[in-house]
Amino acid sequence: MLGIAPLLIIPFILYNLGLAGMFGGGDDPWAQEIFSLAMMSGGVFAMTLGDLMIVIGLVFLFLEIMKSTRTSNASVVDHLLSTFVFVAFLVEFLLVRGAAHSVFFILMVITLVDLIAGFSVSIRSAGRDVSFH
């Protein structure tokens, strides 16, 4: 059953936990610096909580695209649930003040890419399963 659930619901939940103040205080918890590294070039690489959320979203996008290569009845349910996740992102982006943030927008675009890629990969792989006699 866990294989059917869209993994991109996890960044959605994490973002909403951040809005609830679970990831530190301040007006913008996503700008909170997690760590920084001095580079050999003299520059400083800094990772913020928002950057980490986007990386998490991209990792889950990869896993979702790998899941979309399956051809089974469960893939139809997975696509339907992925559609619901994208709609939830879109509605929250439009209606919730705290979701009007670039991190949330990028996560929403990642879910849109997942939705389109999932359908495209499934249609493409289903076309290979069809044989004409």
C-alpha atoms as a PDB file:
ATOM      1  CA  MET A   1       0.000   0.000   0.000  1.00  0.00           C
ATOM      2  CA  LEU A   2       2.890   2.361   0.737  1.00  0.00           C
ATOM      3  CA  GLY A   3       4.099   1.894  -2.835  1.00  0.00           C
ATOM      4  CA  ILE A   4       0.863   3.422  -4.103  1.00  0.00           C
ATOM      5  CA  ALA A   5       1.037   6.539  -1.932  1.00  0.00           C
ATOM      6  CA  PRO A   6       2.623   9.508  -3.740  1.00  0.00           C
ATOM      7  CA  LEU A   7       5.945  10.304  -2.072  1.00  0.00           C
ATOM      8  CA  LEU A   8       5.647  14.009  -2.864  1.00  0.00           C
ATOM      9  CA  ILE A   9       3.081  14.268  -0.088  1.00  0.00           C
ATOM     10  CA  ILE A  10       6.072  14.190   2.302  1.00  0.00           C
ATOM     11  CA  PRO A  11       7.507  17.609   1.252  1.00  0.00           C
ATOM     12  CA  PHE A  12       3.939  18.961   1.375  1.00  0.00           C
ATOM     13  CA  ILE A  13       3.555  17.783   4.970  1.00  0.00           C
ATOM     14  CA  LEU A  14       7.031  19.002   5.928  1.00  0.00           C
ATOM     15  CA  TYR A  15       6.335  22.443   4.477  1.00  0.00           C
ATOM     16  CA  ASN A  16       3.097  22.706   6.422  1.00  0.00           C
ATOM     17  CA  LEU A  17       4.887  21.648   9.612  1.00  0.00           C
ATOM     18  CA  GLY A  18       7.318  24.497   8.945  1.00  0.00           C
ATOM     19  CA  LEU A  19       4.390  26.895   8.575  1.00  0.00           C
ATOM     20  CA  ALA A  20       3.121  25.695  11.924  1.00  0.00           C
ATOM     21  CA  GLY A  21       6.423  26.790  13.464  1.00  0.00           C
ATOM     22  CA  MET A  22       7.920  23.351  13.975  1.00  0.00           C
ATOM     23  CA  PHE A  23      11.212  24.266  12.217  1.00  0.00           C
ATOM     24  CA  GLY A  24      12.246  27.356  14.111  1.00  0.00           C
ATOM     25  CA  GLY A  25      10.884  30.804  14.579  1.00  0.00           C
ATOM     26  CA  GLY A  26      10.942  33.998  12.636  1.00  0.00           C
ATOM     27  CA  ASP A  27       8.940  35.249   9.725  1.00  0.00           C
ATOM     28  CA  ASP A  28      10.604  32.968   7.179  1.00  0.00           C
ATOM     29  CA  PRO A  29      11.698  29.591   8.548  1.00  0.00           C
ATOM     30  CA  TRP A  30      12.898  28.578   5.058  1.00  0.00           C
ATOM     31  CA  ALA A  31      15.680  31.195   5.117  1.00  0.00           C
ATOM     32  CA  GLN A  32      17.159  29.623   8.262  1.00  0.00           C
ATOM     33  CA  GLU A  33      20.725  28.522   7.547  1.00  0.00           C
ATOM     34  CA  ILE A  34      21.375  24.874   8.363  1.00  0.00           C
ATOM     35  CA  PHE A  35      25.116  24.842   7.708  1.00  0.00           C
ATOM     36  CA  SER A  36      27.828  26.580   5.740  1.00  0.00           C
ATOM     37  CA  LEU A  37      31.133  25.400   4.360  1.00  0.00           C
ATOM     38  CA  ALA A  38      34.183  27.411   3.444  1.00  0.00           C
ATOM     39  CA  MET A  39      35.203  26.363  -0.057  1.00  0.00           C
ATOM     40  CA  MET A  40      38.725  26.141  -1.419  1.00  0.00           C
ATOM     41  CA  SER A  41      37.877  28.983  -3.805  1.00  0.00           C
ATOM     42  CA  GLY A  42      37.339  31.308  -0.870  1.00  0.00           C
ATOM     43  CA  GLY A  43      33.580  31.318  -1.329  1.00  0.00           C
ATOM     44  CA  VAL A  44      31.120  30.085   1.260  1.00  0.00           C
ATOM     45  CA  PHE A  45      28.479  27.484   0.478  1.00  0.00           C
ATOM     46  CA  ALA A  46      25.420  27.914   2.692  1.00  0.00           C
ATOM     47  CA  MET A  47      22.453  25.526   2.831  1.00  0.00           C
ATOM     48  CA  THR A  48      19.141  26.907   4.059  1.00  0.00           C
ATOM     49  CA  LEU A  49      16.129  24.931   5.193  1.00  0.00           C
ATOM     50  CA  GLY A  50      14.351  25.983   1.991  1.00  0.00           C
ATOM     51  CA  ASP A  51      17.213  24.635  -0.123  1.00  0.00           C
ATOM     52  CA  LEU A  52      17.018  21.351   1.763  1.00  0.00           C
ATOM     53  CA  MET A  53      13.261  21.140   1.141  1.00  0.00           C
ATOM     54  CA  ILE A  54      13.837  21.533  -2.602  1.00  0.00           C
ATOM     55  CA  VAL A  55      16.520  18.833  -2.571  1.00  0.00           C
ATOM     56  CA  ILE A  56      14.126  16.522  -0.700  1.00  0.00           C
ATOM     57  CA  GLY A  57      11.444  17.265  -3.292  1.00  0.00           C
ATOM     58  CA  LEU A  58      13.833  16.441  -6.141  1.00  0.00           C
ATOM     59  CA  VAL A  59      14.837  13.131  -4.544  1.00  0.00           C
ATOM     60  CA  PHE A  60      11.178  12.176  -4.172  1.00  0.00           C
ATOM     61  CA  LEU A  61      10.546  13.270  -7.769  1.00  0.00           C
ATOM     62  CA  PHE A  62      13.210  10.815  -8.922  1.00  0.00           C
ATOM     63  CA  LEU A  63      11.627   8.025  -6.873  1.00  0.00           C
ATOM     64  CA  GLU A  64       8.169   8.878  -8.233  1.00  0.00           C
ATOM     65  CA  ILE A  65       9.402   8.751 -11.824  1.00  0.00           C
ATOM     66  CA  MET A  66      10.959   5.358 -11.110  1.00  0.00           C
ATOM     67  CA  LYS A  67       7.612   4.212  -9.677  1.00  0.00           C
ATOM     68  CA  SER A  68       5.783   5.378 -12.805  1.00  0.00           C
ATOM     69  CA  THR A  69       7.621   2.813 -14.939  1.00  0.00           C
ATOM     70  CA  ARG A  70       5.541   0.033 -13.365  1.00  0.00           C
ATOM     71  CA  THR A  71       2.609  -1.204 -15.387  1.00  0.00           C
ATOM     72  CA  SER A  72      -0.108  -2.452 -13.091  1.00  0.00           C
ATOM     73  CA  ASN A  73      -3.518  -1.504 -11.811  1.00  0.00           C
ATOM     74  CA  ALA A  74      -1.827   0.209  -8.860  1.00  0.00           C
ATOM     75  CA  SER A  75      -0.206   2.728 -11.212  1.00  0.00           C
ATOM     76  CA  VAL A  76      -3.619   4.148 -12.109  1.00  0.00           C
ATOM     77  CA  VAL A  77      -4.355   4.761  -8.426  1.00  0.00           C
ATOM     78  CA  ASP A  78      -0.877   6.261  -7.998  1.00  0.00           C
ATOM     79  CA  HIS A  79      -1.512   8.730 -10.842  1.00  0.00           C
ATOM     80  CA  LEU A  80      -4.866   9.678  -9.351  1.00  0.00           C
ATOM     81  CA  LEU A  81      -3.310  10.298  -5.937  1.00  0.00           C
ATOM     82  CA  SER A  82      -0.473  12.301  -7.535  1.00  0.00           C
ATOM     83  CA  THR A  83      -3.134  14.469  -9.171  1.00  0.00           C
ATOM     84  CA  PHE A  84      -4.709  15.080  -5.758  1.00  0.00           C
ATOM     85  CA  VAL A  85      -1.312  16.045  -4.318  1.00  0.00           C
ATOM     86  CA  PHE A  86      -0.765  18.576  -7.110  1.00  0.00           C
ATOM     87  CA  VAL A  87      -4.273  20.000  -6.614  1.00  0.00           C
ATOM     88  CA  ALA A  88      -3.586  20.297  -2.862  1.00  0.00           C
ATOM     89  CA  PHE A  89      -0.367  22.193  -3.607  1.00  0.00           C
ATOM     90  CA  LEU A  90      -2.155  24.475  -6.067  1.00  0.00           C
ATOM     91  CA  VAL A  91      -5.075  25.240  -3.748  1.00  0.00           C
ATOM     92  CA  GLU A  92      -2.778  25.936  -0.823  1.00  0.00           C
ATOM     93  CA  PHE A  93      -0.532  28.127  -2.983  1.00  0.00           C
ATOM     94  CA  LEU A  94      -3.522  30.207  -4.059  1.00  0.00           C
ATOM     95  CA  LEU A  95      -5.337  30.409  -0.718  1.00  0.00           C
ATOM     96  CA  VAL A  96      -2.791  30.244   2.136  1.00  0.00           C
ATOM     97  CA  ARG A  97      -0.621  33.274   2.867  1.00  0.00           C
ATOM     98  CA  GLY A  98       2.332  31.199   4.126  1.00  0.00           C
ATOM     99  CA  ALA A  99       2.367  29.155   0.918  1.00  0.00           C
ATOM    100  CA  ALA A 100       3.083  32.227  -1.197  1.00  0.00           C
ATOM    101  CA  HIS A 101       6.786  31.432  -1.049  1.00  0.00           C
ATOM    102  CA  SER A 102       9.337  30.469  -3.687  1.00  0.00           C
ATOM    103  CA  VAL A 103      10.145  27.181  -1.913  1.00  0.00           C
ATOM    104  CA  PHE A 104       6.485  26.149  -1.948  1.00  0.00           C
ATOM    105  CA  PHE A 105       6.130  27.230  -5.581  1.00  0.00           C
ATOM    106  CA  ILE A 106       9.154  25.136  -6.617  1.00  0.00           C
ATOM    107  CA  LEU A 107       7.768  22.135  -4.715  1.00  0.00           C
ATOM    108  CA  MET A 108       4.457  22.661  -6.523  1.00  0.00           C
ATOM    109  CA  VAL A 109       6.245  22.713  -9.891  1.00  0.00           C
ATOM    110  CA  ILE A 110       8.039  19.493  -8.896  1.00  0.00           C
ATOM    111  CA  THR A 111       4.644  17.856  -8.274  1.00  0.00           C
ATOM    112  CA  LEU A 112       3.436  19.107 -11.668  1.00  0.00           C
ATOM    113  CA  VAL A 113       6.506  17.587 -13.341  1.00  0.00           C
ATOM    114  CA  ASP A 114       5.789  14.348 -11.455  1.00  0.00           C
ATOM    115  CA  LEU A 115       2.202  14.375 -12.665  1.00  0.00           C
ATOM    116  CA  ILE A 116       3.097  14.992 -16.304  1.00  0.00           C
ATOM    117  CA  ALA A 117       6.086  12.616 -16.270  1.00  0.00           C
ATOM    118  CA  GLY A 118       4.073   9.892 -14.570  1.00  0.00           C
ATOM    119  CA  PHE A 119       1.354   9.980 -17.188  1.00  0.00           C
ATOM    120  CA  SER A 120       3.872  10.273 -20.038  1.00  0.00           C
ATOM    121  CA  VAL A 121       6.020   7.373 -18.872  1.00  0.00           C
ATOM    122  CA  SER A 122       2.961   5.195 -18.247  1.00  0.00           C
ATOM    123  CA  ILE A 123       1.475   5.929 -21.652  1.00  0.00           C
ATOM    124  CA  ARG A 124       4.805   5.305 -23.327  1.00  0.00           C
ATOM    125  CA  SER A 125       5.436   2.023 -21.520  1.00  0.00           C
ATOM    126  CA  ALA A 126       1.842   0.871 -22.051  1.00  0.00           C
ATOM    127  CA  GLY A 127       2.299   1.463 -25.791  1.00  0.00           C
ATOM    128  CA  ARG A 128       5.168  -1.009 -25.773  1.00  0.00           C
ATOM    129  CA  ASP A 129       2.967  -3.650 -24.101  1.00  0.00           C
ATOM    130  CA  VAL A 130       0.406  -3.531 -26.907  1.00  0.00           C
ATOM    131  CA  SER A 131       0.942  -6.067 -29.657  1.00  0.00           C
ATOM    132  CA  PHE A 132      -1.013  -6.390 -32.859  1.00  0.00           C
ATOM    133  CA  HIS A 133      -1.563  -9.786 -34.491  1.00  0.00           C
END
